Amino acid sequence: MFVYIREAHPSDSNWADDEKLIEEPLTLTQRGTVASQCSRELSLTMPMVVDDMHDTVNQLYGAWPERIYVIDTDGNIAFKGGLGPFGFKPKKAEHALRALLDSE
């Protein structure tokens, strides 16, 4: 599952991305709209949920700027990737997920 957290480089911030002109969403509805746009642009095929406006998931998992977790069926963290962009290693997460699935 992909969890959309707060916008990393909103256009109305000091760390704006000149290629993506997305303002920081101020409501959950706005965040959901931006998340849907993200899903379409990245051609995601996995389910996506949106973090709340208090950034609960982001705070609990230290997800910003990007991070991959694999959670087992008991809710335990089976893999915790490094912080992005340099620690963002999808192949390592894939190997961990495959190992987890093979052990069941």
PDB file of N, CA and C in Angstrom:
ATOM      1  N   MET A   1       0.848  -1.164   0.000  1.00  0.00           N
ATOM      2  CA  MET A   1       0.000   0.000   0.000  1.00  0.00           C
ATOM      3  C   MET A   1       0.899   1.235   0.000  1.00  0.00           C
ATOM      4  N   PHE A   2       0.546   2.198  -0.768  1.00  0.00           N
ATOM      5  CA  PHE A   2       1.278   3.463  -0.857  1.00  0.00           C
ATOM      6  C   PHE A   2       0.574   4.454   0.063  1.00  0.00           C
ATOM      7  N   VAL A   3       1.310   5.067   0.976  1.00  0.00           N
ATOM      8  CA  VAL A   3       0.733   6.082   1.852  1.00  0.00           C
ATOM      9  C   VAL A   3       1.233   7.441   1.379  1.00  0.00           C
ATOM     10  N   TYR A   4       0.304   8.272   0.933  1.00  0.00           N
ATOM     11  CA  TYR A   4       0.662   9.621   0.497  1.00  0.00           C
ATOM     12  C   TYR A   4       0.754  10.503   1.735  1.00  0.00           C
ATOM     13  N   ILE A   5       1.933  11.058   1.969  1.00  0.00           N
ATOM     14  CA  ILE A   5       2.135  11.955   3.111  1.00  0.00           C
ATOM     15  C   ILE A   5       2.172  13.394   2.602  1.00  0.00           C
ATOM     16  N   ARG A   6       2.596  14.305   3.427  1.00  0.00           N
ATOM     17  CA  ARG A   6       2.632  15.720   3.037  1.00  0.00           C
ATOM     18  C   ARG A   6       3.488  15.933   1.800  1.00  0.00           C
ATOM     19  N   GLU A   7       3.175  16.972   1.079  1.00  0.00           N
ATOM     20  CA  GLU A   7       3.900  17.294  -0.153  1.00  0.00           C
ATOM     21  C   GLU A   7       5.340  17.655   0.191  1.00  0.00           C
ATOM     22  N   ALA A   8       6.297  17.018  -0.481  1.00  0.00           N
ATOM     23  CA  ALA A   8       7.715  17.208  -0.164  1.00  0.00           C
ATOM     24  C   ALA A   8       8.259  18.550  -0.641  1.00  0.00           C
ATOM     25  N   HIS A   9       7.796  19.015  -1.794  1.00  0.00           N
ATOM     26  CA  HIS A   9       8.342  20.244  -2.383  1.00  0.00           C
ATOM     27  C   HIS A   9       7.220  21.150  -2.898  1.00  0.00           C
ATOM     28  N   PRO A  10       6.360  21.616  -1.998  1.00  0.00           N
ATOM     29  CA  PRO A  10       5.248  22.456  -2.467  1.00  0.00           C
ATOM     30  C   PRO A  10       5.751  23.774  -3.057  1.00  0.00           C
ATOM     31  N   SER A  11       5.027  24.250  -4.044  1.00  0.00           N
ATOM     32  CA  SER A  11       5.432  25.479  -4.743  1.00  0.00           C
ATOM     33  C   SER A  11       5.363  26.713  -3.855  1.00  0.00           C
ATOM     34  N   ASP A  12       4.605  26.639  -2.778  1.00  0.00           N
ATOM     35  CA  ASP A  12       4.484  27.786  -1.874  1.00  0.00           C
ATOM     36  C   ASP A  12       5.415  27.657  -0.662  1.00  0.00           C
ATOM     37  N   SER A  13       6.576  27.025  -0.877  1.00  0.00           N
ATOM     38  CA  SER A  13       7.551  26.848   0.201  1.00  0.00           C
ATOM     39  C   SER A  13       8.931  27.287  -0.261  1.00  0.00           C
ATOM     40  N   ASN A  14       9.871  27.280   0.669  1.00  0.00           N
ATOM     41  CA  ASN A  14      11.259  27.633   0.347  1.00  0.00           C
ATOM     42  C   ASN A  14      11.999  26.505  -0.362  1.00  0.00           C
ATOM     43  N   TRP A  15      11.447  25.306  -0.386  1.00  0.00           N
ATOM     44  CA  TRP A  15      12.098  24.158  -1.009  1.00  0.00           C
ATOM     45  C   TRP A  15      11.281  23.645  -2.196  1.00  0.00           C
ATOM     46  N   ALA A  16      10.688  24.572  -2.936  1.00  0.00           N
ATOM     47  CA  ALA A  16       9.833  24.233  -4.070  1.00  0.00           C
ATOM     48  C   ALA A  16      10.607  23.516  -5.172  1.00  0.00           C
ATOM     49  N   ASP A  17       9.887  22.667  -5.879  1.00  0.00           N
ATOM     50  CA  ASP A  17      10.412  21.975  -7.053  1.00  0.00           C
ATOM     51  C   ASP A  17       9.885  22.726  -8.269  1.00  0.00           C
ATOM     52  N   ASP A  18      10.772  23.289  -9.057  1.00  0.00           N
ATOM     53  CA  ASP A  18      10.357  24.091 -10.205  1.00  0.00           C
ATOM     54  C   ASP A  18       9.588  23.289 -11.256  1.00  0.00           C
ATOM     55  N   GLU A  19       9.740  21.969 -11.244  1.00  0.00           N
ATOM     56  CA  GLU A  19       9.049  21.133 -12.226  1.00  0.00           C
ATOM     57  C   GLU A  19       7.637  20.775 -11.791  1.00  0.00           C
ATOM     58  N   LYS A  20       7.370  20.769 -10.504  1.00  0.00           N
ATOM     59  CA  LYS A  20       6.054  20.402  -9.982  1.00  0.00           C
ATOM     60  C   LYS A  20       5.467  21.603  -9.243  1.00  0.00           C
ATOM     61  N   LEU A  21       4.473  22.204  -9.823  1.00  0.00           N
ATOM     62  CA  LEU A  21       3.876  23.396  -9.218  1.00  0.00           C
ATOM     63  C   LEU A  21       2.629  23.010  -8.434  1.00  0.00           C
ATOM     64  N   ILE A  22       2.862  22.401  -7.288  1.00  0.00           N
ATOM     65  CA  ILE A  22       1.780  21.952  -6.417  1.00  0.00           C
ATOM     66  C   ILE A  22       1.899  22.679  -5.085  1.00  0.00           C
ATOM     67  N   GLU A  23       0.855  23.416  -4.726  1.00  0.00           N
ATOM     68  CA  GLU A  23       0.849  24.098  -3.426  1.00  0.00           C
ATOM     69  C   GLU A  23       0.573  23.085  -2.324  1.00  0.00           C
ATOM     70  N   GLU A  24       1.043  23.397  -1.121  1.00  0.00           N
ATOM     71  CA  GLU A  24       0.806  22.536   0.037  1.00  0.00           C
ATOM     72  C   GLU A  24      -0.701  22.448   0.288  1.00  0.00           C
ATOM     73  N   PRO A  25      -1.277  21.241   0.247  1.00  0.00           N
ATOM     74  CA  PRO A  25      -2.704  21.101   0.533  1.00  0.00           C
ATOM     75  C   PRO A  25      -3.023  21.547   1.966  1.00  0.00           C
ATOM     76  N   LEU A  26      -4.114  22.266   2.125  1.00  0.00           N
ATOM     77  CA  LEU A  26      -4.506  22.773   3.437  1.00  0.00           C
ATOM     78  C   LEU A  26      -5.642  21.982   4.061  1.00  0.00           C
ATOM     79  N   THR A  27      -6.272  21.115   3.269  1.00  0.00           N
ATOM     80  CA  THR A  27      -7.362  20.278   3.771  1.00  0.00           C
ATOM     81  C   THR A  27      -7.118  18.840   3.331  1.00  0.00           C
ATOM     82  N   LEU A  28      -7.804  17.917   3.987  1.00  0.00           N
ATOM     83  CA  LEU A  28      -7.676  16.507   3.623  1.00  0.00           C
ATOM     84  C   LEU A  28      -8.201  16.271   2.203  1.00  0.00           C
ATOM     85  N   THR A  29      -9.246  16.983   1.819  1.00  0.00           N
ATOM     86  CA  THR A  29      -9.775  16.861   0.459  1.00  0.00           C
ATOM     87  C   THR A  29      -8.729  17.294  -0.564  1.00  0.00           C
ATOM     88  N   GLN A  30      -8.064  18.411  -0.310  1.00  0.00           N
ATOM     89  CA  GLN A  30      -7.012  18.876  -1.216  1.00  0.00           C
ATOM     90  C   GLN A  30      -5.859  17.880  -1.268  1.00  0.00           C
ATOM     91  N   ARG A  31      -5.485  17.335  -0.120  1.00  0.00           N
ATOM     92  CA  ARG A  31      -4.402  16.345  -0.082  1.00  0.00           C
ATOM     93  C   ARG A  31      -4.792  15.110  -0.883  1.00  0.00           C
ATOM     94  N   GLY A  32      -6.045  14.706  -0.781  1.00  0.00           N
ATOM     95  CA  GLY A  32      -6.527  13.565  -1.557  1.00  0.00           C
ATOM     96  C   GLY A  32      -6.478  13.816  -3.054  1.00  0.00           C
ATOM     97  N   THR A  33      -6.795  15.042  -3.455  1.00  0.00           N
ATOM     98  CA  THR A  33      -6.734  15.406  -4.870  1.00  0.00           C
ATOM     99  C   THR A  33      -5.303  15.333  -5.382  1.00  0.00           C
ATOM    100  N   VAL A  34      -4.360  15.862  -4.611  1.00  0.00           N
ATOM    101  CA  VAL A  34      -2.948  15.819  -5.005  1.00  0.00           C
ATOM    102  C   VAL A  34      -2.449  14.369  -5.012  1.00  0.00           C
ATOM    103  N   ALA A  35      -2.894  13.573  -4.052  1.00  0.00           N
ATOM    104  CA  ALA A  35      -2.503  12.157  -4.009  1.00  0.00           C
ATOM    105  C   ALA A  35      -2.999  11.424  -5.249  1.00  0.00           C
ATOM    106  N   SER A  36      -4.216  11.711  -5.673  1.00  0.00           N
ATOM    107  CA  SER A  36      -4.760  11.078  -6.882  1.00  0.00           C
ATOM    108  C   SER A  36      -3.936  11.474  -8.104  1.00  0.00           C
ATOM    109  N   GLN A  37      -3.548  12.736  -8.174  1.00  0.00           N
ATOM    110  CA  GLN A  37      -2.705  13.205  -9.274  1.00  0.00           C
ATOM    111  C   GLN A  37      -1.368  12.475  -9.257  1.00  0.00           C
ATOM    112  N   CYS A  38      -0.788  12.320  -8.083  1.00  0.00           N
ATOM    113  CA  CYS A  38       0.477  11.595  -7.917  1.00  0.00           C
ATOM    114  C   CYS A  38       0.332  10.157  -8.413  1.00  0.00           C
ATOM    115  N   SER A  39      -0.730   9.495  -8.017  1.00  0.00           N
ATOM    116  CA  SER A  39      -0.962   8.111  -8.406  1.00  0.00           C
ATOM    117  C   SER A  39      -1.068   7.978  -9.922  1.00  0.00           C
ATOM    118  N   ARG A  40      -1.785   8.903 -10.548  1.00  0.00           N
ATOM    119  CA  ARG A  40      -1.916   8.865 -12.013  1.00  0.00           C
ATOM    120  C   ARG A  40      -0.571   9.107 -12.692  1.00  0.00           C
ATOM    121  N   GLU A  41       0.156  10.141 -12.245  1.00  0.00           N
ATOM    122  CA  GLU A  41       1.424  10.493 -12.887  1.00  0.00           C
ATOM    123  C   GLU A  41       2.477   9.404 -12.731  1.00  0.00           C
ATOM    124  N   LEU A  42       2.453   8.684 -11.610  1.00  0.00           N
ATOM    125  CA  LEU A  42       3.417   7.609 -11.383  1.00  0.00           C
ATOM    126  C   LEU A  42       2.911   6.256 -11.884  1.00  0.00           C
ATOM    127  N   SER A  43       1.678   6.239 -12.407  1.00  0.00           N
ATOM    128  CA  SER A  43       1.052   5.003 -12.903  1.00  0.00           C
ATOM    129  C   SER A  43       1.077   3.911 -11.843  1.00  0.00           C
ATOM    130  N   LEU A  44       0.739   4.279 -10.605  1.00  0.00           N
ATOM    131  CA  LEU A  44       0.745   3.308  -9.514  1.00  0.00           C
ATOM    132  C   LEU A  44      -0.367   2.289  -9.699  1.00  0.00           C
ATOM    133  N   THR A  45      -0.060   1.053  -9.393  1.00  0.00           N
ATOM    134  CA  THR A  45      -1.067  -0.002  -9.469  1.00  0.00           C
ATOM    135  C   THR A  45      -1.433  -0.530  -8.089  1.00  0.00           C
ATOM    136  N   MET A  46      -0.726  -0.091  -7.074  1.00  0.00           N
ATOM    137  CA  MET A  46      -1.019  -0.538  -5.713  1.00  0.00           C
ATOM    138  C   MET A  46      -2.038   0.407  -5.072  1.00  0.00           C
ATOM    139  N   PRO A  47      -2.765  -0.072  -4.084  1.00  0.00           N
ATOM    140  CA  PRO A  47      -3.720   0.801  -3.395  1.00  0.00           C
ATOM    141  C   PRO A  47      -2.994   1.961  -2.717  1.00  0.00           C
ATOM    142  N   MET A  48      -3.655   3.107  -2.648  1.00  0.00           N
ATOM    143  CA  MET A  48      -3.085   4.284  -1.996  1.00  0.00           C
ATOM    144  C   MET A  48      -4.044   4.786  -0.934  1.00  0.00           C
ATOM    145  N   VAL A  49      -3.485   5.171   0.194  1.00  0.00           N
ATOM    146  CA  VAL A  49      -4.238   5.866   1.234  1.00  0.00           C
ATOM    147  C   VAL A  49      -3.536   7.201   1.481  1.00  0.00           C
ATOM    148  N   VAL A  50      -4.239   8.121   2.112  1.00  0.00           N
ATOM    149  CA  VAL A  50      -3.714   9.461   2.337  1.00  0.00           C
ATOM    150  C   VAL A  50      -3.554   9.688   3.834  1.00  0.00           C
ATOM    151  N   ASP A  51      -2.368  10.120   4.240  1.00  0.00           N
ATOM    152  CA  ASP A  51      -2.112  10.455   5.643  1.00  0.00           C
ATOM    153  C   ASP A  51      -3.017  11.605   6.051  1.00  0.00           C
ATOM    154  N   ASP A  52      -3.364  11.656   7.320  1.00  0.00           N
ATOM    155  CA  ASP A  52      -4.224  12.740   7.794  1.00  0.00           C
ATOM    156  C   ASP A  52      -3.453  14.062   7.862  1.00  0.00           C
ATOM    157  N   MET A  53      -4.147  15.137   8.151  1.00  0.00           N
ATOM    158  CA  MET A  53      -3.531  16.466   8.156  1.00  0.00           C
ATOM    159  C   MET A  53      -2.620  16.687   9.364  1.00  0.00           C
ATOM    160  N   HIS A  54      -2.634  15.760  10.318  1.00  0.00           N
ATOM    161  CA  HIS A  54      -1.698  15.817  11.446  1.00  0.00           C
ATOM    162  C   HIS A  54      -0.428  15.018  11.133  1.00  0.00           C
ATOM    163  N   ASP A  55      -0.365  14.430   9.937  1.00  0.00           N
ATOM    164  CA  ASP A  55       0.788  13.644   9.487  1.00  0.00           C
ATOM    165  C   ASP A  55       1.088  12.470  10.411  1.00  0.00           C
ATOM    166  N   THR A  56       0.048  11.790  10.856  1.00  0.00           N
ATOM    167  CA  THR A  56       0.192  10.711  11.831  1.00  0.00           C
ATOM    168  C   THR A  56       1.107   9.588  11.331  1.00  0.00           C
ATOM    169  N   VAL A  57       0.861   9.087  10.132  1.00  0.00           N
ATOM    170  CA  VAL A  57       1.686   7.993   9.597  1.00  0.00           C
ATOM    171  C   VAL A  57       3.120   8.465   9.403  1.00  0.00           C
ATOM    172  N   ASN A  58       3.263   9.654   8.851  1.00  0.00           N
ATOM    173  CA  ASN A  58       4.594  10.226   8.643  1.00  0.00           C
ATOM    174  C   ASN A  58       5.355  10.297   9.970  1.00  0.00           C
ATOM    175  N   GLN A  59       4.703  10.756  11.011  1.00  0.00           N
ATOM    176  CA  GLN A  59       5.356  10.878  12.319  1.00  0.00           C
ATOM    177  C   GLN A  59       5.688   9.513  12.922  1.00  0.00           C
ATOM    178  N   LEU A  60       4.768   8.561  12.803  1.00  0.00           N
ATOM    179  CA  LEU A  60       4.992   7.237  13.390  1.00  0.00           C
ATOM    180  C   LEU A  60       6.109   6.458  12.699  1.00  0.00           C
ATOM    181  N   TYR A  61       6.209   6.611  11.379  1.00  0.00           N
ATOM    182  CA  TYR A  61       7.168   5.819  10.623  1.00  0.00           C
ATOM    183  C   TYR A  61       8.372   6.611  10.119  1.00  0.00           C
ATOM    184  N   GLY A  62       8.442   7.904  10.390  1.00  0.00           N
ATOM    185  CA  GLY A  62       9.560   8.695   9.894  1.00  0.00           C
ATOM    186  C   GLY A  62       9.644   8.602   8.383  1.00  0.00           C
ATOM    187  N   ALA A  63       8.521   8.804   7.726  1.00  0.00           N
ATOM    188  CA  ALA A  63       8.402   8.540   6.298  1.00  0.00           C
ATOM    189  C   ALA A  63       8.951   9.640   5.396  1.00  0.00           C
ATOM    190  N   TRP A  64       9.130  10.840   5.896  1.00  0.00           N
ATOM    191  CA  TRP A  64       9.560  11.939   5.039  1.00  0.00           C
ATOM    192  C   TRP A  64      11.065  11.913   4.874  1.00  0.00           C
ATOM    193  N   PRO A  65      11.639  12.122   3.730  1.00  0.00           N
ATOM    194  CA  PRO A  65      10.957  12.486   2.490  1.00  0.00           C
ATOM    195  C   PRO A  65      10.360  11.292   1.767  1.00  0.00           C
ATOM    196  N   GLU A  66      10.918  10.121   1.914  1.00  0.00           N
ATOM    197  CA  GLU A  66      10.334   8.913   1.341  1.00  0.00           C
ATOM    198  C   GLU A  66      10.999   7.715   2.005  1.00  0.00           C
ATOM    199  N   ARG A  67      10.218   6.701   2.182  1.00  0.00           N
ATOM    200  CA  ARG A  67      10.749   5.501   2.834  1.00  0.00           C
ATOM    201  C   ARG A  67       9.851   4.325   2.487  1.00  0.00           C
ATOM    202  N   ILE A  68      10.450   3.154   2.397  1.00  0.00           N
ATOM    203  CA  ILE A  68       9.695   1.941   2.116  1.00  0.00           C
ATOM    204  C   ILE A  68       9.722   1.050   3.353  1.00  0.00           C
ATOM    205  N   TYR A  69       8.551   0.566   3.736  1.00  0.00           N
ATOM    206  CA  TYR A  69       8.425  -0.420   4.797  1.00  0.00           C
ATOM    207  C   TYR A  69       7.722  -1.643   4.236  1.00  0.00           C
ATOM    208  N   VAL A  70       8.099  -2.811   4.743  1.00  0.00           N
ATOM    209  CA  VAL A  70       7.351  -4.038   4.492  1.00  0.00           C
ATOM    210  C   VAL A  70       6.836  -4.464   5.854  1.00  0.00           C
ATOM    211  N   ILE A  71       5.523  -4.609   5.951  1.00  0.00           N
ATOM    212  CA  ILE A  71       4.868  -4.981   7.208  1.00  0.00           C
ATOM    213  C   ILE A  71       4.320  -6.392   7.050  1.00  0.00           C
ATOM    214  N   ASP A  72       4.630  -7.277   8.019  1.00  0.00           N
ATOM    215  CA  ASP A  72       4.141  -8.648   7.912  1.00  0.00           C
ATOM    216  C   ASP A  72       2.678  -8.732   8.343  1.00  0.00           C
ATOM    217  N   THR A  73       2.099  -9.925   8.218  1.00  0.00           N
ATOM    218  CA  THR A  73       0.675 -10.099   8.517  1.00  0.00           C
ATOM    219  C   THR A  73       0.335  -9.906   9.989  1.00  0.00           C
ATOM    220  N   ASP A  74       1.344  -9.946  10.861  1.00  0.00           N
ATOM    221  CA  ASP A  74       1.123  -9.688  12.290  1.00  0.00           C
ATOM    222  C   ASP A  74       1.298  -8.216  12.644  1.00  0.00           C
ATOM    223  N   GLY A  75       1.604  -7.391  11.632  1.00  0.00           N
ATOM    224  CA  GLY A  75       1.784  -5.959  11.869  1.00  0.00           C
ATOM    225  C   GLY A  75       3.191  -5.573  12.273  1.00  0.00           C
ATOM    226  N   ASN A  76       4.127  -6.508  12.192  1.00  0.00           N
ATOM    227  CA  ASN A  76       5.517  -6.221  12.531  1.00  0.00           C
ATOM    228  C   ASN A  76       6.278  -5.696  11.317  1.00  0.00           C
ATOM    229  N   ILE A  77       7.245  -4.821  11.557  1.00  0.00           N
ATOM    230  CA  ILE A  77       8.058  -4.291  10.475  1.00  0.00           C
ATOM    231  C   ILE A  77       9.059  -5.370  10.061  1.00  0.00           C
ATOM    232  N   ALA A  78       8.919  -5.849   8.824  1.00  0.00           N
ATOM    233  CA  ALA A  78       9.821  -6.874   8.293  1.00  0.00           C
ATOM    234  C   ALA A  78      10.978  -6.248   7.527  1.00  0.00           C
ATOM    235  N   PHE A  79      10.798  -5.028   7.059  1.00  0.00           N
ATOM    236  CA  PHE A  79      11.843  -4.309   6.335  1.00  0.00           C
ATOM    237  C   PHE A  79      11.611  -2.820   6.514  1.00  0.00           C
ATOM    238  N   LYS A  80      12.684  -2.102   6.810  1.00  0.00           N
ATOM    239  CA  LYS A  80      12.631  -0.650   6.931  1.00  0.00           C
ATOM    240  C   LYS A  80      13.736  -0.094   6.052  1.00  0.00           C
ATOM    241  N   GLY A  81      13.340   0.559   4.977  1.00  0.00           N
ATOM    242  CA  GLY A  81      14.312   1.140   4.061  1.00  0.00           C
ATOM    243  C   GLY A  81      14.898   2.420   4.620  1.00  0.00           C
ATOM    244  N   GLY A  82      15.960   2.881   4.002  1.00  0.00           N
ATOM    245  CA  GLY A  82      16.595   4.125   4.410  1.00  0.00           C
ATOM    246  C   GLY A  82      15.845   5.334   3.888  1.00  0.00           C
ATOM    247  N   LEU A  83      16.200   6.499   4.402  1.00  0.00           N
ATOM    248  CA  LEU A  83      15.569   7.736   3.955  1.00  0.00           C
ATOM    249  C   LEU A  83      15.941   8.034   2.509  1.00  0.00           C
ATOM    250  N   GLY A  84      14.960   8.506   1.762  1.00  0.00           N
ATOM    251  CA  GLY A  84      15.203   8.902   0.383  1.00  0.00           C
ATOM    252  C   GLY A  84      15.862  10.256   0.325  1.00  0.00           C
ATOM    253  N   PRO A  85      16.371  10.612  -0.797  1.00  0.00           N
ATOM    254  CA  PRO A  85      16.342   9.809  -2.010  1.00  0.00           C
ATOM    255  C   PRO A  85      17.460   8.769  -2.074  1.00  0.00           C
ATOM    256  N   PHE A  86      18.543   8.938  -1.339  1.00  0.00           N
ATOM    257  CA  PHE A  86      19.687   8.028  -1.475  1.00  0.00           C
ATOM    258  C   PHE A  86      19.460   6.673  -0.822  1.00  0.00           C
ATOM    259  N   GLY A  87      18.648   6.622   0.217  1.00  0.00           N
ATOM    260  CA  GLY A  87      18.353   5.358   0.883  1.00  0.00           C
ATOM    261  C   GLY A  87      17.123   4.667   0.341  1.00  0.00           C
ATOM    262  N   PHE A  88      16.521   5.231  -0.698  1.00  0.00           N
ATOM    263  CA  PHE A  88      15.308   4.685  -1.307  1.00  0.00           C
ATOM    264  C   PHE A  88      15.709   3.564  -2.256  1.00  0.00           C
ATOM    265  N   LYS A  89      15.555   2.327  -1.806  1.00  0.00           N
ATOM    266  CA  LYS A  89      16.022   1.148  -2.554  1.00  0.00           C
ATOM    267  C   LYS A  89      14.863   0.170  -2.765  1.00  0.00           C
ATOM    268  N   PRO A  90      14.026   0.413  -3.766  1.00  0.00           N
ATOM    269  CA  PRO A  90      12.868  -0.459  -3.991  1.00  0.00           C
ATOM    270  C   PRO A  90      13.224  -1.925  -4.204  1.00  0.00           C
ATOM    271  N   LYS A  91      14.350  -2.212  -4.824  1.00  0.00           N
ATOM    272  CA  LYS A  91      14.734  -3.614  -5.064  1.00  0.00           C
ATOM    273  C   LYS A  91      14.988  -4.355  -3.752  1.00  0.00           C
ATOM    274  N   LYS A  92      15.591  -3.680  -2.775  1.00  0.00           N
ATOM    275  CA  LYS A  92      15.817  -4.315  -1.467  1.00  0.00           C
ATOM    276  C   LYS A  92      14.485  -4.618  -0.790  1.00  0.00           C
ATOM    277  N   ALA A  93      13.536  -3.688  -0.913  1.00  0.00           N
ATOM    278  CA  ALA A  93      12.210  -3.915  -0.344  1.00  0.00           C
ATOM    279  C   ALA A  93      11.526  -5.081  -1.047  1.00  0.00           C
ATOM    280  N   GLU A  94      11.690  -5.160  -2.359  1.00  0.00           N
ATOM    281  CA  GLU A  94      11.099  -6.259  -3.118  1.00  0.00           C
ATOM    282  C   GLU A  94      11.663  -7.595  -2.647  1.00  0.00           C
ATOM    283  N   HIS A  95      12.979  -7.666  -2.443  1.00  0.00           N
ATOM    284  CA  HIS A  95      13.603  -8.910  -1.967  1.00  0.00           C
ATOM    285  C   HIS A  95      13.068  -9.281  -0.587  1.00  0.00           C
ATOM    286  N   ALA A  96      12.928  -8.293   0.288  1.00  0.00           N
ATOM    287  CA  ALA A  96      12.401  -8.554   1.631  1.00  0.00           C
ATOM    288  C   ALA A  96      10.955  -9.040   1.558  1.00  0.00           C
ATOM    289  N   LEU A  97      10.171  -8.438   0.699  1.00  0.00           N
ATOM    290  CA  LEU A  97       8.775  -8.841   0.543  1.00  0.00           C
ATOM    291  C   LEU A  97       8.683 -10.262  -0.024  1.00  0.00           C
ATOM    292  N   ARG A  98       9.494 -10.556  -1.023  1.00  0.00           N
ATOM    293  CA  ARG A  98       9.487 -11.907  -1.596  1.00  0.00           C
ATOM    294  C   ARG A  98       9.906 -12.952  -0.556  1.00  0.00           C
ATOM    295  N   ALA A  99      10.926 -12.624   0.242  1.00  0.00           N
ATOM    296  CA  ALA A  99      11.369 -13.555   1.295  1.00  0.00           C
ATOM    297  C   ALA A  99      10.257 -13.786   2.313  1.00  0.00           C
ATOM    298  N   LEU A 100       9.572 -12.731   2.660  1.00  0.00           N
ATOM    299  CA  LEU A 100       8.469 -12.833   3.616  1.00  0.00           C
ATOM    300  C   LEU A 100       7.353 -13.706   3.040  1.00  0.00           C
ATOM    301  N   LEU A 101       7.009 -13.484   1.794  1.00  0.00           N
ATOM    302  CA  LEU A 101       5.948 -14.263   1.150  1.00  0.00           C
ATOM    303  C   LEU A 101       6.348 -15.721   0.993  1.00  0.00           C
ATOM    304  N   ASP A 102       7.620 -15.973   0.701  1.00  0.00           N
ATOM    305  CA  ASP A 102       8.105 -17.341   0.553  1.00  0.00           C
ATOM    306  C   ASP A 102       8.108 -18.102   1.872  1.00  0.00           C
ATOM    307  N   SER A 103       8.205 -17.388   2.992  1.00  0.00           N
ATOM    308  CA  SER A 103       8.267 -18.047   4.294  1.00  0.00           C
ATOM    309  C   SER A 103       6.881 -18.391   4.842  1.00  0.00           C
ATOM    310  N   GLU A 104       5.843 -17.905   4.191  1.00  0.00           N
ATOM    311  CA  GLU A 104       4.485 -18.169   4.689  1.00  0.00           C
ATOM    312  C   GLU A 104       3.918 -19.447   4.131  1.00  0.00           C
TER     313      GLU A 104
END
